[in-house]
Structure formats: structure tokens, C-alpha cells
C-alpha atoms as a PDB file:
ATOM      1  CA  MET A   1       0.478  -0.086   0.263  1.00  0.00           C
ATOM      2  CA  LEU A   2       2.919   2.409   0.710  1.00  0.00           C
ATOM      3  CA  SER A   3       4.582   2.061  -1.955  1.00  0.00           C
ATOM      4  CA  ARG A   4       0.841   1.968  -4.671  1.00  0.00           C
ATOM      5  CA  VAL A   5       1.458   5.394  -2.569  1.00  0.00           C
ATOM      6  CA  LEU A   6       4.667   6.732  -3.216  1.00  0.00           C
ATOM      7  CA  ASN A   7       5.272   5.343  -6.656  1.00  0.00           C
ATOM      8  CA  ARG A   8       1.960   7.612  -7.739  1.00  0.00           C
ATOM      9  CA  GLU A   9       2.945  10.681  -5.800  1.00  0.00           C
ATOM     10  CA  THR A  10       6.364  10.579  -7.612  1.00  0.00           C
ATOM     11  CA  ALA A  11       5.114   9.820 -10.989  1.00  0.00           C
ATOM     12  CA  SER A  12       2.926  12.932 -10.423  1.00  0.00           C
ATOM     13  CA  GLN A  13       6.152  14.680  -9.275  1.00  0.00           C
ATOM     14  CA  THR A  14       7.532  13.673 -12.543  1.00  0.00           C
ATOM     15  CA  THR A  15       5.331  14.722 -14.911  1.00  0.00           C
ATOM     16  CA  GLU A  16       5.067  18.383 -12.098  1.00  0.00           C
ATOM     17  CA  SER A  17       8.622  19.115 -13.373  1.00  0.00           C
ATOM     18  CA  THR A  18       8.152  18.669 -16.718  1.00  0.00           C
ATOM     19  CA  PHE A  19       6.706  21.816 -16.844  1.00  0.00           C
ATOM     20  CA  ARG A  20       8.324  23.845 -14.088  1.00  0.00           C
ATOM     21  CA  PHE A  21      12.058  24.484 -13.281  1.00  0.00           C
ATOM     22  CA  ASP A  22      12.824  24.114  -9.665  1.00  0.00           C
ATOM     23  CA  TRP A  23      16.161  26.055  -9.353  1.00  0.00           C
ATOM     24  CA  ARG A  24      15.984  24.898  -5.175  1.00  0.00           C
ATOM     25  CA  ARG A  25      16.595  21.267  -6.639  1.00  0.00           C
ATOM     26  CA  TYR A  26      19.437  22.625  -8.175  1.00  0.00           C
ATOM     27  CA  VAL A  27      20.755  25.382  -5.329  1.00  0.00           C
ATOM     28  CA  VAL A  28      24.019  23.502  -4.402  1.00  0.00           C
ATOM     29  CA  PHE A  29      25.106  23.501  -8.015  1.00  0.00           C
ATOM     30  CA  ILE A  30      24.536  26.790  -9.110  1.00  0.00           C
ATOM     31  CA  ALA A  31      26.079  27.836  -5.640  1.00  0.00           C
ATOM     32  CA  PHE A  32      29.121  26.333  -6.904  1.00  0.00           C
ATOM     33  CA  LEU A  33      30.118  27.789  -9.714  1.00  0.00           C
ATOM     34  CA  ILE A  34      29.179  31.136  -8.323  1.00  0.00           C
ATOM     35  CA  ILE A  35      31.843  31.057  -5.275  1.00  0.00           C
ATOM     36  CA  PHE A  36      33.920  28.489  -8.060  1.00  0.00           C
ATOM     37  CA  ALA A  37      34.130  31.230  -9.541  1.00  0.00           C
ATOM     38  CA  VAL A  38      34.493  33.839  -7.137  1.00  0.00           C
ATOM     39  CA  PHE A  39      37.228  32.797  -6.256  1.00  0.00           C
ATOM     40  CA  SER A  40      38.421  31.231  -9.661  1.00  0.00           C
ATOM     41  CA  VAL A  41      38.607  35.582 -10.094  1.00  0.00           C
ATOM     42  CA  THR A  42      40.060  37.052  -6.759  1.00  0.00           C
ATOM     43  CA  LEU A  43      42.123  34.333  -5.222  1.00  0.00           C
ATOM     44  CA  TYR A  44      44.309  33.297  -9.235  1.00  0.00           C
ATOM     45  CA  ASP A  45      47.520  34.740  -7.799  1.00  0.00           C
ATOM     46  CA  VAL A  46      47.831  32.204  -4.819  1.00  0.00           C
ATOM     47  CA  GLY A  47      47.549  29.246  -6.102  1.00  0.00           C
ATOM     48  CA  PHE A  48      43.441  28.338  -6.187  1.00  0.00           C
ATOM     49  CA  LEU A  49      43.204  26.972  -8.995  1.00  0.00           C
ATOM     50  CA  SER A  50      46.394  24.386  -9.056  1.00  0.00           C
ATOM     51  CA  LEU A  51      45.331  20.458  -9.368  1.00  0.00           C
ATOM     52  CA  THR A  52      47.117  20.365  -6.042  1.00  0.00           C
ATOM     53  CA  ASN A  53      44.859  23.163  -3.961  1.00  0.00           C
ATOM     54  CA  LEU A  54      41.957  21.534  -5.785  1.00  0.00           C
ATOM     55  CA  ILE A  55      42.488  17.625  -4.460  1.00  0.00           C
ATOM     56  CA  ASN A  56      43.214  19.030  -0.966  1.00  0.00           C
ATOM     57  CA  VAL A  57      39.273  20.361  -1.461  1.00  0.00           C
ATOM     58  CA  VAL A  58      38.288  17.292  -1.881  1.00  0.00           C
ATOM     59  CA  VAL A  59      40.145  15.622   0.648  1.00  0.00           C
ATOM     60  CA  GLN A  60      39.106  17.540   3.649  1.00  0.00           C
ATOM     61  CA  SER A  61      35.940  17.502   2.840  1.00  0.00           C
ATOM     62  CA  ALA A  62      36.217  13.908   2.441  1.00  0.00           C
ATOM     63  CA  ILE A  63      35.060  12.619   6.385  1.00  0.00           C
ATOM     64  CA  ILE A  64      32.005  16.040   5.997  1.00  0.00           C
ATOM     65  CA  ALA A  65      30.623  13.896   2.987  1.00  0.00           C
ATOM     66  CA  VAL A  66      30.864  11.077   4.580  1.00  0.00           C
ATOM     67  CA  MET A  67      29.048  12.159   7.797  1.00  0.00           C
ATOM     68  CA  ALA A  68      26.811  13.959   5.397  1.00  0.00           C
ATOM     69  CA  VAL A  69      25.678  10.657   3.903  1.00  0.00           C
ATOM     70  CA  ALA A  70      23.934   9.227   7.384  1.00  0.00           C
ATOM     71  CA  MET A  71      22.973  13.126   8.156  1.00  0.00           C
ATOM     72  CA  THR A  72      20.773  13.544   5.279  1.00  0.00           C
ATOM     73  CA  PHE A  73      19.036  10.582   6.359  1.00  0.00           C
ATOM     74  CA  VAL A  74      18.550  11.197   9.683  1.00  0.00           C
ATOM     75  CA  ILE A  75      16.910  15.338   8.471  1.00  0.00           C
ATOM     76  CA  SER A  76      14.828  13.043   6.156  1.00  0.00           C
ATOM     77  CA  ALA A  77      14.020  11.646   8.973  1.00  0.00           C
ATOM     78  CA  ALA A  78      12.897  15.043  10.463  1.00  0.00           C
ATOM     79  CA  GLU A  79      15.128  14.383  13.110  1.00  0.00           C
ATOM     80  CA  ILE A  80      18.922  16.001  13.643  1.00  0.00           C
ATOM     81  CA  ASP A  81      21.877  14.366  15.063  1.00  0.00           C
ATOM     82  CA  LEU A  82      23.947  17.251  17.496  1.00  0.00           C
ATOM     83  CA  SER A  83      26.807  14.566  18.079  1.00  0.00           C
ATOM     84  CA  VAL A  84      28.951  13.416  14.865  1.00  0.00           C
ATOM     85  CA  GLY A  85      31.666  15.691  15.787  1.00  0.00           C
ATOM     86  CA  SER A  86      32.281  14.691  19.553  1.00  0.00           C
ATOM     87  CA  VAL A  87      31.595  11.110  18.476  1.00  0.00           C
ATOM     88  CA  ALA A  88      33.269  11.451  15.383  1.00  0.00           C
ATOM     89  CA  GLY A  89      36.567  12.547  18.042  1.00  0.00           C
ATOM     90  CA  LEU A  90      35.598   9.622  21.197  1.00  0.00           C
ATOM     91  CA  ALA A  91      35.401   7.259  17.944  1.00  0.00           C
ATOM     92  CA  SER A  92      39.071   8.108  16.887  1.00  0.00           C
ATOM     93  CA  VAL A  93      40.616   8.027  20.375  1.00  0.00           C
ATOM     94  CA  THR A  94      38.706   4.308  21.263  1.00  0.00           C
ATOM     95  CA  SER A  95      40.172   2.784  18.284  1.00  0.00           C
ATOM     96  CA  ALA A  96      43.716   4.630  18.539  1.00  0.00           C
ATOM     97  CA  LEU A  97      44.063   3.434  22.432  1.00  0.00           C
ATOM     98  CA  ALA A  98      42.998   0.019  20.708  1.00  0.00           C
ATOM     99  CA  VAL A  99      44.918  -0.266  17.761  1.00  0.00           C
ATOM    100  CA  SER A 100      48.336   0.673  20.090  1.00  0.00           C
ATOM    101  CA  GLN A 101      47.357  -2.182  22.251  1.00  0.00           C
ATOM    102  CA  TYR A 102      45.449  -5.084  20.080  1.00  0.00           C
ATOM    103  CA  GLY A 103      46.266  -4.509  17.219  1.00  0.00           C
ATOM    104  CA  LEU A 104      44.600  -3.591  13.382  1.00  0.00           C
ATOM    105  CA  LEU A 105      40.844  -5.390  13.711  1.00  0.00           C
ATOM    106  CA  ALA A 106      40.656  -4.511  17.663  1.00  0.00           C
ATOM    107  CA  GLY A 107      41.460  -0.990  16.650  1.00  0.00           C
ATOM    108  CA  ILE A 108      38.231  -1.065  13.556  1.00  0.00           C
ATOM    109  CA  ALA A 109      36.446  -3.050  16.354  1.00  0.00           C
ATOM    110  CA  ALA A 110      36.526  -0.289  18.880  1.00  0.00           C
ATOM    111  CA  GLY A 111      35.338   2.406  16.753  1.00  0.00           C
ATOM    112  CA  LEU A 112      33.081   0.701  15.435  1.00  0.00           C
ATOM    113  CA  LEU A 113      31.715  -0.514  18.569  1.00  0.00           C
ATOM    114  CA  THR A 114      31.966   3.393  19.575  1.00  0.00           C
ATOM    115  CA  GLY A 115      29.954   4.396  17.103  1.00  0.00           C
ATOM    116  CA  VAL A 116      27.003   1.532  18.006  1.00  0.00           C
ATOM    117  CA  ILE A 117      26.812   2.186  21.794  1.00  0.00           C
ATOM    118  CA  VAL A 118      26.696   6.113  21.228  1.00  0.00           C
ATOM    119  CA  GLY A 119      24.070   5.891  18.209  1.00  0.00           C
ATOM    120  CA  GLY A 120      21.439   3.047  20.034  1.00  0.00           C
ATOM    121  CA  ILE A 121      21.521   5.303  22.598  1.00  0.00           C
ATOM    122  CA  ASN A 122      20.749   8.225  21.015  1.00  0.00           C
ATOM    123  CA  GLY A 123      17.644   5.980  19.323  1.00  0.00           C
ATOM    124  CA  ILE A 124      16.459   4.429  22.075  1.00  0.00           C
ATOM    125  CA  LEU A 125      16.360   7.906  23.681  1.00  0.00           C
ATOM    126  CA  VAL A 126      13.967   9.097  20.368  1.00  0.00           C
ATOM    127  CA  ALA A 127      12.245   6.491  19.795  1.00  0.00           C
ATOM    128  CA  ALA A 128      11.554   4.259  22.955  1.00  0.00           C
ATOM    129  CA  ILE A 129      11.783   7.600  25.456  1.00  0.00           C
ATOM    130  CA  ARG A 130      10.769  10.080  22.917  1.00  0.00           C
ATOM    131  CA  ILE A 131      12.923  12.569  23.626  1.00  0.00           C
ATOM    132  CA  PRO A 132      13.614  15.380  20.944  1.00  0.00           C
ATOM    133  CA  SER A 133      16.084  14.719  18.988  1.00  0.00           C
ATOM    134  CA  PHE A 134      17.382  17.868  19.124  1.00  0.00           C
ATOM    135  CA  LEU A 135      17.757  17.515  22.833  1.00  0.00           C
ATOM    136  CA  VAL A 136      19.029  13.740  23.084  1.00  0.00           C
ATOM    137  CA  THR A 137      21.813  14.195  20.701  1.00  0.00           C
ATOM    138  CA  LEU A 138      23.201  17.506  22.250  1.00  0.00           C
ATOM    139  CA  GLY A 139      23.403  15.800  25.664  1.00  0.00           C
ATOM    140  CA  MET A 140      25.496  13.298  23.795  1.00  0.00           C
ATOM    141  CA  LEU A 141      27.604  15.961  22.179  1.00  0.00           C
ATOM    142  CA  GLY A 142      28.716  17.087  26.027  1.00  0.00           C
ATOM    143  CA  ILE A 143      29.132  13.176  26.998  1.00  0.00           C
ATOM    144  CA  ALA A 144      31.340  12.350  23.817  1.00  0.00           C
ATOM    145  CA  VAL A 145      33.508  15.229  24.054  1.00  0.00           C
ATOM    146  CA  GLY A 146      33.807  14.994  28.078  1.00  0.00           C
ATOM    147  CA  THR A 147      34.563  10.829  28.112  1.00  0.00           C
ATOM    148  CA  ALA A 148      36.932  11.352  25.180  1.00  0.00           C
ATOM    149  CA  MET A 149      39.278  13.755  26.984  1.00  0.00           C
ATOM    150  CA  TRP A 150      38.669  11.875  30.636  1.00  0.00           C
ATOM    151  CA  ILE A 151      40.001   8.515  28.964  1.00  0.00           C
ATOM    152  CA  THR A 152      42.999  10.559  27.986  1.00  0.00           C
ATOM    153  CA  SER A 153      43.900  12.907  29.722  1.00  0.00           C
ATOM    154  CA  SER A 154      42.819  15.569  27.089  1.00  0.00           C
ATOM    155  CA  ALA A 155      46.585  14.272  25.534  1.00  0.00           C
ATOM    156  CA  PRO A 156      46.712  12.759  21.861  1.00  0.00           C
ATOM    157  CA  VAL A 157      47.225   9.096  21.910  1.00  0.00           C
ATOM    158  CA  PRO A 158      49.923   8.338  19.031  1.00  0.00           C
ATOM    159  CA  ILE A 159      48.795   5.006  16.144  1.00  0.00           C
ATOM    160  CA  VAL A 160      51.946   4.191  14.921  1.00  0.00           C
ATOM    161  CA  ASN A 161      50.130   1.058  12.941  1.00  0.00           C
ATOM    162  CA  ASN A 162      50.848   1.765   9.086  1.00  0.00           C
ATOM    163  CA  THR A 163      48.502  -0.426   7.863  1.00  0.00           C
ATOM    164  CA  PHE A 164      45.847   0.870  10.317  1.00  0.00           C
ATOM    165  CA  ASN A 165      46.198   4.531   9.003  1.00  0.00           C
ATOM    166  CA  ASN A 166      47.130   3.818   5.130  1.00  0.00           C
ATOM    167  CA  ILE A 167      43.300   2.170   5.170  1.00  0.00           C
ATOM    168  CA  PHE A 168      41.771   5.063   7.520  1.00  0.00           C
ATOM    169  CA  GLY A 169      42.865   8.281   5.534  1.00  0.00           C
ATOM    170  CA  SER A 170      46.470   8.223   4.744  1.00  0.00           C
ATOM    171  CA  GLY A 171      47.104   5.442   2.367  1.00  0.00           C
ATOM    172  CA  GLN A 172      46.003   5.690  -1.217  1.00  0.00           C
ATOM    173  CA  ILE A 173      45.840   3.681  -4.386  1.00  0.00           C
ATOM    174  CA  GLY A 174      46.679   4.531  -7.094  1.00  0.00           C
ATOM    175  CA  PRO A 175      46.853   8.243  -7.170  1.00  0.00           C
ATOM    176  CA  VAL A 176      44.129   8.114  -5.525  1.00  0.00           C
ATOM    177  CA  PRO A 177      43.527   8.988  -2.183  1.00  0.00           C
ATOM    178  CA  SER A 178      41.871   6.498   0.321  1.00  0.00           C
ATOM    179  CA  LEU A 179      39.761   9.042   1.790  1.00  0.00           C
ATOM    180  CA  ILE A 180      38.476  10.054  -1.717  1.00  0.00           C
ATOM    181  CA  LEU A 181      37.337   5.924  -1.415  1.00  0.00           C
ATOM    182  CA  TRP A 182      35.391   5.829   1.433  1.00  0.00           C
ATOM    183  CA  VAL A 183      33.817   8.375   0.119  1.00  0.00           C
ATOM    184  CA  VAL A 184      33.176   7.408  -2.918  1.00  0.00           C
ATOM    185  CA  VAL A 185      32.028   3.696  -1.120  1.00  0.00           C
ATOM    186  CA  VAL A 186      29.793   4.913   1.307  1.00  0.00           C
ATOM    187  CA  LEU A 187      28.067   7.301  -1.628  1.00  0.00           C
ATOM    188  CA  VAL A 188      26.756   5.181  -3.518  1.00  0.00           C
ATOM    189  CA  ILE A 189      25.628   2.801  -0.516  1.00  0.00           C
ATOM    190  CA  GLY A 190      23.717   5.699   0.465  1.00  0.00           C
ATOM    191  CA  TYR A 191      22.796   6.548  -2.838  1.00  0.00           C
ATOM    192  CA  LEU A 192      21.610   2.795  -3.491  1.00  0.00           C
ATOM    193  CA  VAL A 193      19.836   2.502   0.092  1.00  0.00           C
ATOM    194  CA  LEU A 194      17.695   5.833  -0.224  1.00  0.00           C
ATOM    195  CA  ARG A 195      16.431   5.342  -3.561  1.00  0.00           C
ATOM    196  CA  LYS A 196      16.572   2.331  -4.243  1.00  0.00           C
ATOM    197  CA  THR A 197      15.421  -0.075  -1.165  1.00  0.00           C
ATOM    198  CA  THR A 198      11.998  -0.284   0.729  1.00  0.00           C
ATOM    199  CA  TYR A 199      13.929   1.055   3.626  1.00  0.00           C
ATOM    200  CA  GLY A 200      15.010   4.476   2.057  1.00  0.00           C
ATOM    201  CA  ARG A 201      10.960   5.228   1.096  1.00  0.00           C
ATOM    202  CA  ARG A 202      10.072   4.593   4.837  1.00  0.00           C
ATOM    203  CA  VAL A 203      12.670   6.904   5.796  1.00  0.00           C
ATOM    204  CA  LEU A 204      10.881   9.568   3.497  1.00  0.00           C
ATOM    205  CA  ALA A 205       7.855   8.251   4.552  1.00  0.00           C
ATOM    206  CA  THR A 206       8.328   9.273   8.413  1.00  0.00           C
ATOM    207  CA  GLY A 207       9.650  12.351   7.625  1.00  0.00           C
ATOM    208  CA  GLY A 208       6.953  13.976   5.136  1.00  0.00           C
ATOM    209  CA  ASN A 209       4.183  12.896   6.956  1.00  0.00           C
ATOM    210  CA  GLU A 210       4.803  10.023  10.616  1.00  0.00           C
ATOM    211  CA  GLY A 211       1.244   9.945  11.054  1.00  0.00           C
ATOM    212  CA  ALA A 212       0.287   8.988   7.395  1.00  0.00           C
ATOM    213  CA  ALA A 213       3.323   6.858   7.479  1.00  0.00           C
ATOM    214  CA  ARG A 214       2.187   4.354  10.873  1.00  0.00           C
ATOM    215  CA  PHE A 215      -1.266   4.527   9.227  1.00  0.00           C
ATOM    216  CA  SER A 216       0.210   3.025   6.053  1.00  0.00           C
ATOM    217  CA  GLY A 217       2.215   0.032   8.424  1.00  0.00           C
ATOM    218  CA  VAL A 218       5.705   1.689   8.593  1.00  0.00           C
ATOM    219  CA  ASP A 219       7.196   1.648  12.164  1.00  0.00           C
ATOM    220  CA  THR A 220       8.455   5.046  12.101  1.00  0.00           C
ATOM    221  CA  ARG A 221       9.969   4.670  16.220  1.00  0.00           C
ATOM    222  CA  ARG A 222      12.623   1.717  14.893  1.00  0.00           C
ATOM    223  CA  ILE A 223      12.824   3.719  11.516  1.00  0.00           C
ATOM    224  CA  LYS A 224      14.042   6.993  13.447  1.00  0.00           C
ATOM    225  CA  PHE A 225      16.204   4.392  15.992  1.00  0.00           C
ATOM    226  CA  TYR A 226      17.853   2.889  12.621  1.00  0.00           C
ATOM    227  CA  VAL A 227      19.015   6.051  11.363  1.00  0.00           C
ATOM    228  CA  LEU A 228      20.334   7.719  14.614  1.00  0.00           C
ATOM    229  CA  LEU A 229      21.916   4.419  15.467  1.00  0.00           C
ATOM    230  CA  VAL A 230      23.262   4.446  11.836  1.00  0.00           C
ATOM    231  CA  SER A 231      24.231   8.284  12.112  1.00  0.00           C
ATOM    232  CA  GLY A 232      26.586   6.910  15.102  1.00  0.00           C
ATOM    233  CA  ILE A 233      27.825   4.094  13.100  1.00  0.00           C
ATOM    234  CA  VAL A 234      29.226   5.983  10.952  1.00  0.00           C
ATOM    235  CA  ALA A 235      30.753   9.135  12.803  1.00  0.00           C
ATOM    236  CA  SER A 236      32.622   6.850  14.200  1.00  0.00           C
ATOM    237  CA  LEU A 237      33.836   6.027  10.467  1.00  0.00           C
ATOM    238  CA  ALA A 238      34.825   9.274  10.763  1.00  0.00           C
ATOM    239  CA  GLY A 239      36.369   8.847  13.623  1.00  0.00           C
ATOM    240  CA  MET A 240      38.995   6.411  12.497  1.00  0.00           C
ATOM    241  CA  LEU A 241      39.447   8.669   9.359  1.00  0.00           C
ATOM    242  CA  TYR A 242      40.425  11.377  11.180  1.00  0.00           C
ATOM    243  CA  ALA A 243      42.775   8.883  13.559  1.00  0.00           C
ATOM    244  CA  GLY A 244      43.968   6.939  10.010  1.00  0.00           C
ATOM    245  CA  ARG A 245      44.778  10.732   8.257  1.00  0.00           C
ATOM    246  CA  LEU A 246      46.377  12.513  11.795  1.00  0.00           C
ATOM    247  CA  GLN A 247      47.657   9.436  12.834  1.00  0.00           C
ATOM    248  CA  SER A 248      46.514   9.868  16.318  1.00  0.00           C
ATOM    249  CA  GLY A 249      43.090   9.849  18.164  1.00  0.00           C
ATOM    250  CA  ARG A 250      41.700  13.005  20.295  1.00  0.00           C
ATOM    251  CA  PHE A 251      39.014  14.394  21.617  1.00  0.00           C
ATOM    252  CA  SER A 252      39.142  17.278  19.257  1.00  0.00           C
ATOM    253  CA  TRP A 253      39.333  16.103  16.458  1.00  0.00           C
ATOM    254  CA  GLY A 254      35.536  16.538  14.235  1.00  0.00           C
ATOM    255  CA  GLU A 255      34.838  19.682  17.400  1.00  0.00           C
ATOM    256  CA  GLY A 256      32.858  21.401  16.060  1.00  0.00           C
ATOM    257  CA  ASP A 257      31.442  19.742  12.154  1.00  0.00           C
ATOM    258  CA  GLU A 258      28.147  19.039  13.327  1.00  0.00           C
ATOM    259  CA  LEU A 259      27.781  22.428  11.292  1.00  0.00           C
ATOM    260  CA  SER A 260      29.718  21.927   8.195  1.00  0.00           C
ATOM    261  CA  VAL A 261      27.869  18.505   8.152  1.00  0.00           C
ATOM    262  CA  ILE A 262      24.462  20.194   8.922  1.00  0.00           C
ATOM    263  CA  ALA A 263      25.258  22.851   6.675  1.00  0.00           C
ATOM    264  CA  ALA A 264      26.387  20.529   3.787  1.00  0.00           C
ATOM    265  CA  VAL A 265      23.296  18.136   3.667  1.00  0.00           C
ATOM    266  CA  ILE A 266      21.181  21.329   3.711  1.00  0.00           C
ATOM    267  CA  LEU A 267      22.755  23.068   1.191  1.00  0.00           C
ATOM    268  CA  GLY A 268      22.472  19.605  -0.711  1.00  0.00           C
ATOM    269  CA  GLY A 269      18.835  20.276  -1.354  1.00  0.00           C
ATOM    270  CA  THR A 270      18.241  17.693   1.185  1.00  0.00           C
ATOM    271  CA  SER A 271      14.572  19.531   3.171  1.00  0.00           C
ATOM    272  CA  LEU A 272      15.281  20.434   7.123  1.00  0.00           C
ATOM    273  CA  PHE A 273      11.720  19.951   7.376  1.00  0.00           C
ATOM    274  CA  GLY A 274      12.203  15.717   6.931  1.00  0.00           C
ATOM    275  CA  GLY A 275      10.175  13.743   3.582  1.00  0.00           C
ATOM    276  CA  TYR A 276      13.193  14.604   1.007  1.00  0.00           C
ATOM    277  CA  GLY A 277      16.468  13.877   0.985  1.00  0.00           C
ATOM    278  CA  THR A 278      19.475  13.534  -1.985  1.00  0.00           C
ATOM    279  CA  VAL A 279      22.283  11.630  -0.609  1.00  0.00           C
ATOM    280  CA  ILE A 280      24.565  13.210  -3.980  1.00  0.00           C
ATOM    281  CA  GLY A 281      23.588  16.421  -2.494  1.00  0.00           C
ATOM    282  CA  SER A 282      24.635  16.341   0.345  1.00  0.00           C
ATOM    283  CA  VAL A 283      28.095  14.992  -1.029  1.00  0.00           C
ATOM    284  CA  LEU A 284      28.487  17.802  -3.167  1.00  0.00           C
ATOM    285  CA  GLY A 285      26.991  20.140  -0.764  1.00  0.00           C
ATOM    286  CA  ALA A 286      30.274  18.607   1.188  1.00  0.00           C
ATOM    287  CA  VAL A 287      32.592  20.284  -1.320  1.00  0.00           C
ATOM    288  CA  LEU A 288      31.358  23.247  -1.294  1.00  0.00           C
ATOM    289  CA  VAL A 289      31.767  23.644   2.139  1.00  0.00           C
ATOM    290  CA  GLY A 290      34.747  22.544   2.020  1.00  0.00           C
ATOM    291  CA  LEU A 291      35.496  25.073  -1.055  1.00  0.00           C
ATOM    292  CA  ILE A 292      34.432  28.100   1.360  1.00  0.00           C
ATOM    293  CA  ASN A 293      36.405  26.970   4.051  1.00  0.00           C
ATOM    294  CA  ASN A 294      39.386  26.561   1.246  1.00  0.00           C
ATOM    295  CA  GLY A 295      38.717  29.853   0.173  1.00  0.00           C
ATOM    296  CA  LEU A 296      38.689  31.537   2.969  1.00  0.00           C
ATOM    297  CA  THR A 297      41.490  29.774   4.177  1.00  0.00           C
ATOM    298  CA  LEU A 298      43.608  31.621   1.388  1.00  0.00           C
ATOM    299  CA  MET A 299      41.874  34.654   1.507  1.00  0.00           C
ATOM    300  CA  GLY A 300      44.165  35.545   5.459  1.00  0.00           C
ATOM    301  CA  LEU A 301      40.810  35.080   7.834  1.00  0.00           C
ATOM    302  CA  GLU A 302      40.687  33.653  11.348  1.00  0.00           C
ATOM    303  CA  LEU A 303      38.797  31.102  12.217  1.00  0.00           C
ATOM    304  CA  SER A 304      36.796  32.708  14.174  1.00  0.00           C
ATOM    305  CA  GLN A 305      35.894  34.175  10.983  1.00  0.00           C
ATOM    306  CA  GLN A 306      35.505  31.330   9.217  1.00  0.00           C
ATOM    307  CA  GLN A 307      32.951  29.982  11.849  1.00  0.00           C
ATOM    308  CA  ILE A 308      30.777  32.761  11.901  1.00  0.00           C
ATOM    309  CA  VAL A 309      30.706  32.377   7.573  1.00  0.00           C
ATOM    310  CA  ARG A 310      29.538  28.838   8.182  1.00  0.00           C
ATOM    311  CA  GLY A 311      27.174  29.878  10.382  1.00  0.00           C
ATOM    312  CA  ALA A 312      25.788  32.482   8.272  1.00  0.00           C
ATOM    313  CA  ILE A 313      25.715  29.535   5.675  1.00  0.00           C
ATOM    314  CA  ILE A 314      23.535  27.459   7.105  1.00  0.00           C
ATOM    315  CA  ILE A 315      20.906  30.609   7.815  1.00  0.00           C
ATOM    316  CA  LEU A 316      21.590  30.591   4.659  1.00  0.00           C
ATOM    317  CA  ALA A 317      20.617  27.068   3.356  1.00  0.00           C
ATOM    318  CA  VAL A 318      17.678  27.197   5.639  1.00  0.00           C
ATOM    319  CA  ALA A 319      16.267  29.860   4.235  1.00  0.00           C
ATOM    320  CA  LEU A 320      16.237  27.502   0.791  1.00  0.00           C
ATOM    321  CA  ALA A 321      14.713  24.399   2.082  1.00  0.00           C
ATOM    322  CA  ARG A 322      12.722  23.150  -0.266  1.00  0.00           C
ATOM    323  CA  LYS A 323      10.077  20.524   1.469  1.00  0.00           C
ATOM    324  CA  GLY A 324       8.100  18.006  -0.538  1.00  0.00           C
ATOM    325  CA  PRO A 325       8.969  13.821  -1.179  1.00  0.00           C
ATOM    326  CA  SER A 326      11.994  12.142  -2.872  1.00  0.00           C
ATOM    327  CA  THR A 327      12.136  11.638  -6.062  1.00  0.00           C
END
């Protein structure tokens, strides 16, 4: 029943879109071209267009892009996860401690288990106890950061296992950095799940109209649990990517990333109000945020000033956010 309703709505929207161009669908592409053109002209003399710098933009955007894929599902289900940055920092620490003591497999298991525990707690509190996800994940942000600082005494934990570092961030296959390969893998999986599976359709249905979805047989509470669980697991993967790239675990890795991740998802076209999501757009949004950060750095702006600009981006993205089902 749900599948027929969703298919009927999709067909209707496809017909309508044939006759009406909705520029908001393509705002991330338009913004990318405009910002790229502006930076190309104003920062040409400082090497913005160099191949090395452009590759650096993509690599620096990779970890945000990985988290943005999972956040697309969370926001499409009309929820939010503010803990992703702090979970990444905690996972970088737990994986670094485990890999230093017990080896590669233990390090991977510890990092992923961190995400399972945190994401599971978030999901249970939101889905079963019905605490708003904003409050749950805001509280978890502080818990994760505090735990990471406590177990390491706020000191970095070095990783000397070259295999771990090469797999998670420092290595490359041929000329392609491993970080970019991770983005491609997560992007493909996220795209197929959202667009081609019943689970993806149920996520969108939950965010679009939870009451109607429940009436159609969708277990919306289970959907909310799973999107937050997966968000925690992917955030822990991001933490291991930080650890591998920087060859250490530290509580501050991922600090503030929740702003960049949310900005990337909303700029990419996912509706902040739920019911519509685009994984490809979220990844492009992450690259756009990375492009902006890179340009602002080359302009000589301080980190505090860059934070102000990123905050303004989120406000603009919300103002331009569209609400509607996935196509």
C-alpha cells in the first residue's frame, strides 16, 4: 500500500516537474559554480586553481561528506543529530587506544563499537522514550567529548600502525587518496539505500508525514532508531578516518563538524523539515563547504571568522530549503 502511494506521488511530481523548473533543486550546483568562479578570479594569484589545491579541497571535504551521507537519512526522517562531531572524536580515541594495545582488528572493532553504543543510545532515547533528538544529541555531544577527554587526559594518542593509517586516511590506491575512495563507497551505499530500497522510502515517508506513514504500516519508531544508530556508526567511521589521516586519536578531532555536516546536507537539497533527501547533493554540499573553507583560508581569514561564515551559510540554507518528497 505504502509503495503504491509513494510511486503514485513520484509519478505525479515527475509530470509536474516536466513543465516547471524548480531552481531550488539545483541550488548546490548554482552556488558551487558561483563561488568557484569568484574564488578563481579573486584568488588566482595565490594558487586557488592549482591541481594540488583542488585535490586538497576534495580530501579535506571527504570526512564531512561521509558524515553528511548518514545525516541525510536523519534529516530526511525529520530528526537531527548534533553529536556526530564529538562521536568522531571519541571513536578516534577508542580506536587509537585499541590499535596501539591489541592491533588493527581490535582498533577497527573498538571504533565501530563506539558508534554502535552512542548511536544506539540516541536511537532508544528518541524512538522509545520520545525525547526530542535535538536535546538527546546535544546532551550526547557533551558526554562524548567529556569521555574522550577523560580517558586520554586530553592528550593525543599516537597511532604507529601503518596499515591502519593507510586504510583510514593516509594511504592511497594508485593516485587516488584512500579518503576519496571511502567517500565513493559510502556515497554509493547511501544512494542505493535511499533510492532503491523499501527502507529508504520508509525513511522519507516518516519524515514527510509520520502519522500517514504509521497508518500505512511503517514502524516509524524503528525507522528513527535506525537512522540515529547508523548516524553514530558512520560518525565513528569518520573518527577512524581522522585518526588514520592524522595518525593519532584526539578528543578534538571532529570538533564543530556538526555545523559543517548539517550545512552540507541542507545546501545539498535535503529538506530540513523531512520527507526529501538527496545523498549526492549532500556530498556536493560537503565539497562546497570545503571549497568555501579553503577560499576563506587563502583570503587570510581566521578560524573564528570562518565559523561566522559557516553559520551564515546554515541560515541561508534553511531559508532556501525545499520541502517535498524524494524524486
